[in-house]
Amino acid sequence: MKNRVRELRKLKGLTQEQLAEVIGVSRQTINAIEKEKFDPSLPTAFKMSKLFDLPIEDFFLYDEIE
């Protein structure tokens, strides 16, 4: 799934480790999400939504299967 997590994290001035600590995951998880190798759980996505003050749809981009 495409995402804007890296961009939004940097706008907040956070390192991967800081973001991971705030939302309760490992730095490796944040790295994998940013590289689009891993899709976060729904609770993790909601925590990011609250932190970034954006709807999930604004930073996780889902292409529907046609």
PDB file of N, CA and C in Angstrom:
ATOM      1  N   MET A   1       0.844  -1.165   0.000  1.00  0.00           N
ATOM      2  CA  MET A   1       0.000   0.000   0.000  1.00  0.00           C
ATOM      3  C   MET A   1       0.899   1.241   0.000  1.00  0.00           C
ATOM      4  N   LYS A   2       0.606   2.152  -0.886  1.00  0.00           N
ATOM      5  CA  LYS A   2       1.356   3.410  -0.947  1.00  0.00           C
ATOM      6  C   LYS A   2       1.042   4.245   0.297  1.00  0.00           C
ATOM      7  N   ASN A   3       2.037   5.020   0.748  1.00  0.00           N
ATOM      8  CA  ASN A   3       1.786   5.860   1.915  1.00  0.00           C
ATOM      9  C   ASN A   3       2.698   7.076   1.942  1.00  0.00           C
ATOM     10  N   ARG A   4       2.337   8.011   2.816  1.00  0.00           N
ATOM     11  CA  ARG A   4       3.084   9.255   2.988  1.00  0.00           C
ATOM     12  C   ARG A   4       3.685   9.338   4.395  1.00  0.00           C
ATOM     13  N   VAL A   5       3.906   8.198   5.029  1.00  0.00           N
ATOM     14  CA  VAL A   5       4.348   8.183   6.417  1.00  0.00           C
ATOM     15  C   VAL A   5       5.700   8.881   6.578  1.00  0.00           C
ATOM     16  N   ARG A   6       6.658   8.584   5.730  1.00  0.00           N
ATOM     17  CA  ARG A   6       7.987   9.208   5.843  1.00  0.00           C
ATOM     18  C   ARG A   6       7.867  10.737   5.753  1.00  0.00           C
ATOM     19  N   GLU A   7       7.132  11.194   4.755  1.00  0.00           N
ATOM     20  CA  GLU A   7       6.941  12.639   4.555  1.00  0.00           C
ATOM     21  C   GLU A   7       6.307  13.290   5.787  1.00  0.00           C
ATOM     22  N   LEU A   8       5.255  12.690   6.311  1.00  0.00           N
ATOM     23  CA  LEU A   8       4.553  13.263   7.454  1.00  0.00           C
ATOM     24  C   LEU A   8       5.389  13.181   8.724  1.00  0.00           C
ATOM     25  N   ARG A   9       6.126  12.099   8.883  1.00  0.00           N
ATOM     26  CA  ARG A   9       7.010  11.958  10.047  1.00  0.00           C
ATOM     27  C   ARG A   9       8.050  13.071  10.051  1.00  0.00           C
ATOM     28  N   LYS A  10       8.651  13.321   8.881  1.00  0.00           N
ATOM     29  CA  LYS A  10       9.679  14.359   8.787  1.00  0.00           C
ATOM     30  C   LYS A  10       9.091  15.753   9.018  1.00  0.00           C
ATOM     31  N   LEU A  11       7.864  15.987   8.532  1.00  0.00           N
ATOM     32  CA  LEU A  11       7.213  17.268   8.784  1.00  0.00           C
ATOM     33  C   LEU A  11       6.996  17.512  10.277  1.00  0.00           C
ATOM     34  N   LYS A  12       6.766  16.440  11.027  1.00  0.00           N
ATOM     35  CA  LYS A  12       6.594  16.531  12.482  1.00  0.00           C
ATOM     36  C   LYS A  12       7.939  16.624  13.197  1.00  0.00           C
ATOM     37  N   GLY A  13       9.043  16.422  12.445  1.00  0.00           N
ATOM     38  CA  GLY A  13      10.370  16.484  13.052  1.00  0.00           C
ATOM     39  C   GLY A  13      10.707  15.271  13.897  1.00  0.00           C
ATOM     40  N   LEU A  14      10.125  14.128  13.543  1.00  0.00           N
ATOM     41  CA  LEU A  14      10.343  12.897  14.308  1.00  0.00           C
ATOM     42  C   LEU A  14      11.295  11.952  13.586  1.00  0.00           C
ATOM     43  N   THR A  15      12.085  11.220  14.352  1.00  0.00           N
ATOM     44  CA  THR A  15      12.874  10.121  13.793  1.00  0.00           C
ATOM     45  C   THR A  15      11.975   8.889  13.725  1.00  0.00           C
ATOM     46  N   GLN A  16      12.423   7.871  13.019  1.00  0.00           N
ATOM     47  CA  GLN A  16      11.657   6.622  12.991  1.00  0.00           C
ATOM     48  C   GLN A  16      11.497   6.074  14.407  1.00  0.00           C
ATOM     49  N   GLU A  17      12.560   6.156  15.194  1.00  0.00           N
ATOM     50  CA  GLU A  17      12.513   5.646  16.560  1.00  0.00           C
ATOM     51  C   GLU A  17      11.503   6.411  17.418  1.00  0.00           C
ATOM     52  N   GLN A  18      11.473   7.731  17.274  1.00  0.00           N
ATOM     53  CA  GLN A  18      10.517   8.538  18.047  1.00  0.00           C
ATOM     54  C   GLN A  18       9.082   8.222  17.655  1.00  0.00           C
ATOM     55  N   LEU A  19       8.826   8.110  16.350  1.00  0.00           N
ATOM     56  CA  LEU A  19       7.478   7.771  15.902  1.00  0.00           C
ATOM     57  C   LEU A  19       7.077   6.403  16.433  1.00  0.00           C
ATOM     58  N   ALA A  20       7.989   5.453  16.349  1.00  0.00           N
ATOM     59  CA  ALA A  20       7.710   4.102  16.835  1.00  0.00           C
ATOM     60  C   ALA A  20       7.345   4.116  18.317  1.00  0.00           C
ATOM     61  N   GLU A  21       8.089   4.872  19.107  1.00  0.00           N
ATOM     62  CA  GLU A  21       7.830   4.936  20.542  1.00  0.00           C
ATOM     63  C   GLU A  21       6.459   5.540  20.829  1.00  0.00           C
ATOM     64  N   VAL A  22       6.108   6.599  20.121  1.00  0.00           N
ATOM     65  CA  VAL A  22       4.830   7.280  20.349  1.00  0.00           C
ATOM     66  C   VAL A  22       3.648   6.360  20.040  1.00  0.00           C
ATOM     67  N   ILE A  23       3.754   5.569  18.971  1.00  0.00           N
ATOM     68  CA  ILE A  23       2.594   4.740  18.596  1.00  0.00           C
ATOM     69  C   ILE A  23       2.706   3.291  19.067  1.00  0.00           C
ATOM     70  N   GLY A  24       3.819   2.938  19.717  1.00  0.00           N
ATOM     71  CA  GLY A  24       3.925   1.618  20.346  1.00  0.00           C
ATOM     72  C   GLY A  24       4.321   0.480  19.429  1.00  0.00           C
ATOM     73  N   VAL A  25       5.195   0.762  18.465  1.00  0.00           N
ATOM     74  CA  VAL A  25       5.724  -0.296  17.599  1.00  0.00           C
ATOM     75  C   VAL A  25       7.250  -0.176  17.565  1.00  0.00           C
ATOM     76  N   SER A  26       7.908  -1.077  16.860  1.00  0.00           N
ATOM     77  CA  SER A  26       9.367  -1.012  16.753  1.00  0.00           C
ATOM     78  C   SER A  26       9.791  -0.065  15.627  1.00  0.00           C
ATOM     79  N   ARG A  27      11.029   0.395  15.710  1.00  0.00           N
ATOM     80  CA  ARG A  27      11.574   1.231  14.643  1.00  0.00           C
ATOM     81  C   ARG A  27      11.592   0.462  13.333  1.00  0.00           C
ATOM     82  N   GLN A  28      11.842  -0.844  13.407  1.00  0.00           N
ATOM     83  CA  GLN A  28      11.857  -1.681  12.205  1.00  0.00           C
ATOM     84  C   GLN A  28      10.484  -1.709  11.539  1.00  0.00           C
ATOM     85  N   THR A  29       9.434  -1.669  12.340  1.00  0.00           N
ATOM     86  CA  THR A  29       8.076  -1.628  11.787  1.00  0.00           C
ATOM     87  C   THR A  29       7.858  -0.335  11.016  1.00  0.00           C
ATOM     88  N   ILE A  30       8.285   0.790  11.594  1.00  0.00           N
ATOM     89  CA  ILE A  30       8.148   2.074  10.907  1.00  0.00           C
ATOM     90  C   ILE A  30       8.931   2.056   9.604  1.00  0.00           C
ATOM     91  N   ASN A  31      10.144   1.525   9.645  1.00  0.00           N
ATOM     92  CA  ASN A  31      10.975   1.426   8.446  1.00  0.00           C
ATOM     93  C   ASN A  31      10.269   0.603   7.365  1.00  0.00           C
ATOM     94  N   ALA A  32       9.713  -0.528   7.746  1.00  0.00           N
ATOM     95  CA  ALA A  32       9.029  -1.393   6.780  1.00  0.00           C
ATOM     96  C   ALA A  32       7.777  -0.713   6.212  1.00  0.00           C
ATOM     97  N   ILE A  33       7.041   0.020   7.047  1.00  0.00           N
ATOM     98  CA  ILE A  33       5.860   0.745   6.568  1.00  0.00           C
ATOM     99  C   ILE A  33       6.285   1.802   5.559  1.00  0.00           C
ATOM    100  N   GLU A  34       7.318   2.581   5.904  1.00  0.00           N
ATOM    101  CA  GLU A  34       7.774   3.644   5.013  1.00  0.00           C
ATOM    102  C   GLU A  34       8.283   3.106   3.677  1.00  0.00           C
ATOM    103  N   LYS A  35       8.867   1.918   3.697  1.00  0.00           N
ATOM    104  CA  LYS A  35       9.372   1.306   2.456  1.00  0.00           C
ATOM    105  C   LYS A  35       8.285   0.520   1.722  1.00  0.00           C
ATOM    106  N   GLU A  36       7.062   0.580   2.264  1.00  0.00           N
ATOM    107  CA  GLU A  36       5.893  -0.080   1.676  1.00  0.00           C
ATOM    108  C   GLU A  36       6.070  -1.596   1.577  1.00  0.00           C
ATOM    109  N   LYS A  37       6.787  -2.150   2.568  1.00  0.00           N
ATOM    110  CA  LYS A  37       6.982  -3.599   2.650  1.00  0.00           C
ATOM    111  C   LYS A  37       6.050  -4.224   3.683  1.00  0.00           C
ATOM    112  N   PHE A  38       5.340  -3.372   4.418  1.00  0.00           N
ATOM    113  CA  PHE A  38       4.474  -3.845   5.491  1.00  0.00           C
ATOM    114  C   PHE A  38       3.311  -2.872   5.637  1.00  0.00           C
ATOM    115  N   ASP A  39       2.111  -3.400   5.752  1.00  0.00           N
ATOM    116  CA  ASP A  39       0.925  -2.580   6.008  1.00  0.00           C
ATOM    117  C   ASP A  39       0.622  -2.632   7.506  1.00  0.00           C
ATOM    118  N   PRO A  40       0.421  -1.481   8.134  1.00  0.00           N
ATOM    119  CA  PRO A  40       0.181  -1.475   9.579  1.00  0.00           C
ATOM    120  C   PRO A  40      -1.183  -2.052   9.937  1.00  0.00           C
ATOM    121  N   SER A  41      -1.275  -2.456  11.188  1.00  0.00           N
ATOM    122  CA  SER A  41      -2.573  -2.896  11.705  1.00  0.00           C
ATOM    123  C   SER A  41      -3.497  -1.692  11.776  1.00  0.00           C
ATOM    124  N   LEU A  42      -4.768  -1.946  11.877  1.00  0.00           N
ATOM    125  CA  LEU A  42      -5.738  -0.855  11.974  1.00  0.00           C
ATOM    126  C   LEU A  42      -5.501  -0.001  13.226  1.00  0.00           C
ATOM    127  N   PRO A  43      -5.243  -0.599  14.397  1.00  0.00           N
ATOM    128  CA  PRO A  43      -4.961   0.246  15.564  1.00  0.00           C
ATOM    129  C   PRO A  43      -3.727   1.143  15.356  1.00  0.00           C
ATOM    130  N   THR A  44      -2.703   0.626  14.705  1.00  0.00           N
ATOM    131  CA  THR A  44      -1.507   1.428  14.431  1.00  0.00           C
ATOM    132  C   THR A  44      -1.837   2.567  13.477  1.00  0.00           C
ATOM    133  N   ALA A  45      -2.606   2.282  12.451  1.00  0.00           N
ATOM    134  CA  ALA A  45      -3.005   3.319  11.497  1.00  0.00           C
ATOM    135  C   ALA A  45      -3.823   4.412  12.194  1.00  0.00           C
ATOM    136  N   PHE A  46      -4.708   4.033  13.122  1.00  0.00           N
ATOM    137  CA  PHE A  46      -5.490   5.026  13.852  1.00  0.00           C
ATOM    138  C   PHE A  46      -4.611   5.883  14.760  1.00  0.00           C
ATOM    139  N   LYS A  47      -3.596   5.270  15.371  1.00  0.00           N
ATOM    140  CA  LYS A  47      -2.670   6.047  16.205  1.00  0.00           C
ATOM    141  C   LYS A  47      -1.910   7.060  15.354  1.00  0.00           C
ATOM    142  N   MET A  48      -1.492   6.646  14.163  1.00  0.00           N
ATOM    143  CA  MET A  48      -0.805   7.563  13.256  1.00  0.00           C
ATOM    144  C   MET A  48      -1.758   8.678  12.832  1.00  0.00           C
ATOM    145  N   SER A  49      -2.994   8.334  12.558  1.00  0.00           N
ATOM    146  CA  SER A  49      -3.993   9.319  12.153  1.00  0.00           C
ATOM    147  C   SER A  49      -4.143  10.394  13.219  1.00  0.00           C
ATOM    148  N   LYS A  50      -4.217   9.969  14.466  1.00  0.00           N
ATOM    149  CA  LYS A  50      -4.361  10.921  15.571  1.00  0.00           C
ATOM    150  C   LYS A  50      -3.103  11.788  15.692  1.00  0.00           C
ATOM    151  N   LEU A  51      -1.935  11.174  15.616  1.00  0.00           N
ATOM    152  CA  LEU A  51      -0.682  11.915  15.737  1.00  0.00           C
ATOM    153  C   LEU A  51      -0.512  12.929  14.612  1.00  0.00           C
ATOM    154  N   PHE A  52      -0.781  12.511  13.373  1.00  0.00           N
ATOM    155  CA  PHE A  52      -0.618  13.395  12.221  1.00  0.00           C
ATOM    156  C   PHE A  52      -1.805  14.348  12.051  1.00  0.00           C
ATOM    157  N   ASP A  53      -2.868  14.118  12.818  1.00  0.00           N
ATOM    158  CA  ASP A  53      -4.094  14.915  12.738  1.00  0.00           C
ATOM    159  C   ASP A  53      -4.655  14.926  11.314  1.00  0.00           C
ATOM    160  N   LEU A  54      -4.687  13.721  10.738  1.00  0.00           N
ATOM    161  CA  LEU A  54      -5.205  13.537   9.380  1.00  0.00           C
ATOM    162  C   LEU A  54      -6.030  12.264   9.321  1.00  0.00           C
ATOM    163  N   PRO A  55      -7.028  12.217   8.443  1.00  0.00           N
ATOM    164  CA  PRO A  55      -7.730  10.957   8.217  1.00  0.00           C
ATOM    165  C   PRO A  55      -6.754   9.925   7.625  1.00  0.00           C
ATOM    166  N   ILE A  56      -6.962   8.682   7.941  1.00  0.00           N
ATOM    167  CA  ILE A  56      -6.099   7.606   7.437  1.00  0.00           C
ATOM    168  C   ILE A  56      -5.964   7.680   5.919  1.00  0.00           C
ATOM    169  N   GLU A  57      -7.045   8.009   5.239  1.00  0.00           N
ATOM    170  CA  GLU A  57      -7.030   8.061   3.774  1.00  0.00           C
ATOM    171  C   GLU A  57      -6.078   9.118   3.224  1.00  0.00           C
ATOM    172  N   ASP A  58      -5.673  10.077   4.064  1.00  0.00           N
ATOM    173  CA  ASP A  58      -4.770  11.131   3.607  1.00  0.00           C
ATOM    174  C   ASP A  58      -3.300  10.707   3.617  1.00  0.00           C
ATOM    175  N   PHE A  59      -2.986   9.594   4.284  1.00  0.00           N
ATOM    176  CA  PHE A  59      -1.584   9.160   4.248  1.00  0.00           C
ATOM    177  C   PHE A  59      -1.385   7.704   3.870  1.00  0.00           C
ATOM    178  N   PHE A  60      -2.451   6.905   3.812  1.00  0.00           N
ATOM    179  CA  PHE A  60      -2.396   5.565   3.236  1.00  0.00           C
ATOM    180  C   PHE A  60      -3.272   5.557   1.997  1.00  0.00           C
ATOM    181  N   LEU A  61      -2.680   5.278   0.867  1.00  0.00           N
ATOM    182  CA  LEU A  61      -3.373   5.372  -0.419  1.00  0.00           C
ATOM    183  C   LEU A  61      -3.656   3.969  -0.937  1.00  0.00           C
ATOM    184  N   TYR A  62      -4.919   3.637  -1.035  1.00  0.00           N
ATOM    185  CA  TYR A  62      -5.333   2.303  -1.466  1.00  0.00           C
ATOM    186  C   TYR A  62      -5.860   2.338  -2.888  1.00  0.00           C
ATOM    187  N   ASP A  63      -5.275   1.526  -3.755  1.00  0.00           N
ATOM    188  CA  ASP A  63      -5.763   1.388  -5.125  1.00  0.00           C
ATOM    189  C   ASP A  63      -6.720   0.200  -5.166  1.00  0.00           C
ATOM    190  N   GLU A  64      -7.959   0.487  -5.500  1.00  0.00           N
ATOM    191  CA  GLU A  64      -8.945  -0.585  -5.579  1.00  0.00           C
ATOM    192  C   GLU A  64      -8.657  -1.486  -6.765  1.00  0.00           C
ATOM    193  N   ILE A  65      -8.920  -2.764  -6.592  1.00  0.00           N
ATOM    194  CA  ILE A  65      -8.768  -3.729  -7.670  1.00  0.00           C
ATOM    195  C   ILE A  65      -9.953  -3.576  -8.612  1.00  0.00           C
ATOM    196  N   GLU A  66      -9.678  -3.449  -9.873  1.00  0.00           N
ATOM    197  CA  GLU A  66     -10.768  -3.268 -10.851  1.00  0.00           C
ATOM    198  C   GLU A  66     -11.183  -4.576 -11.457  1.00  0.00           C
TER     199      GLU A  66
END
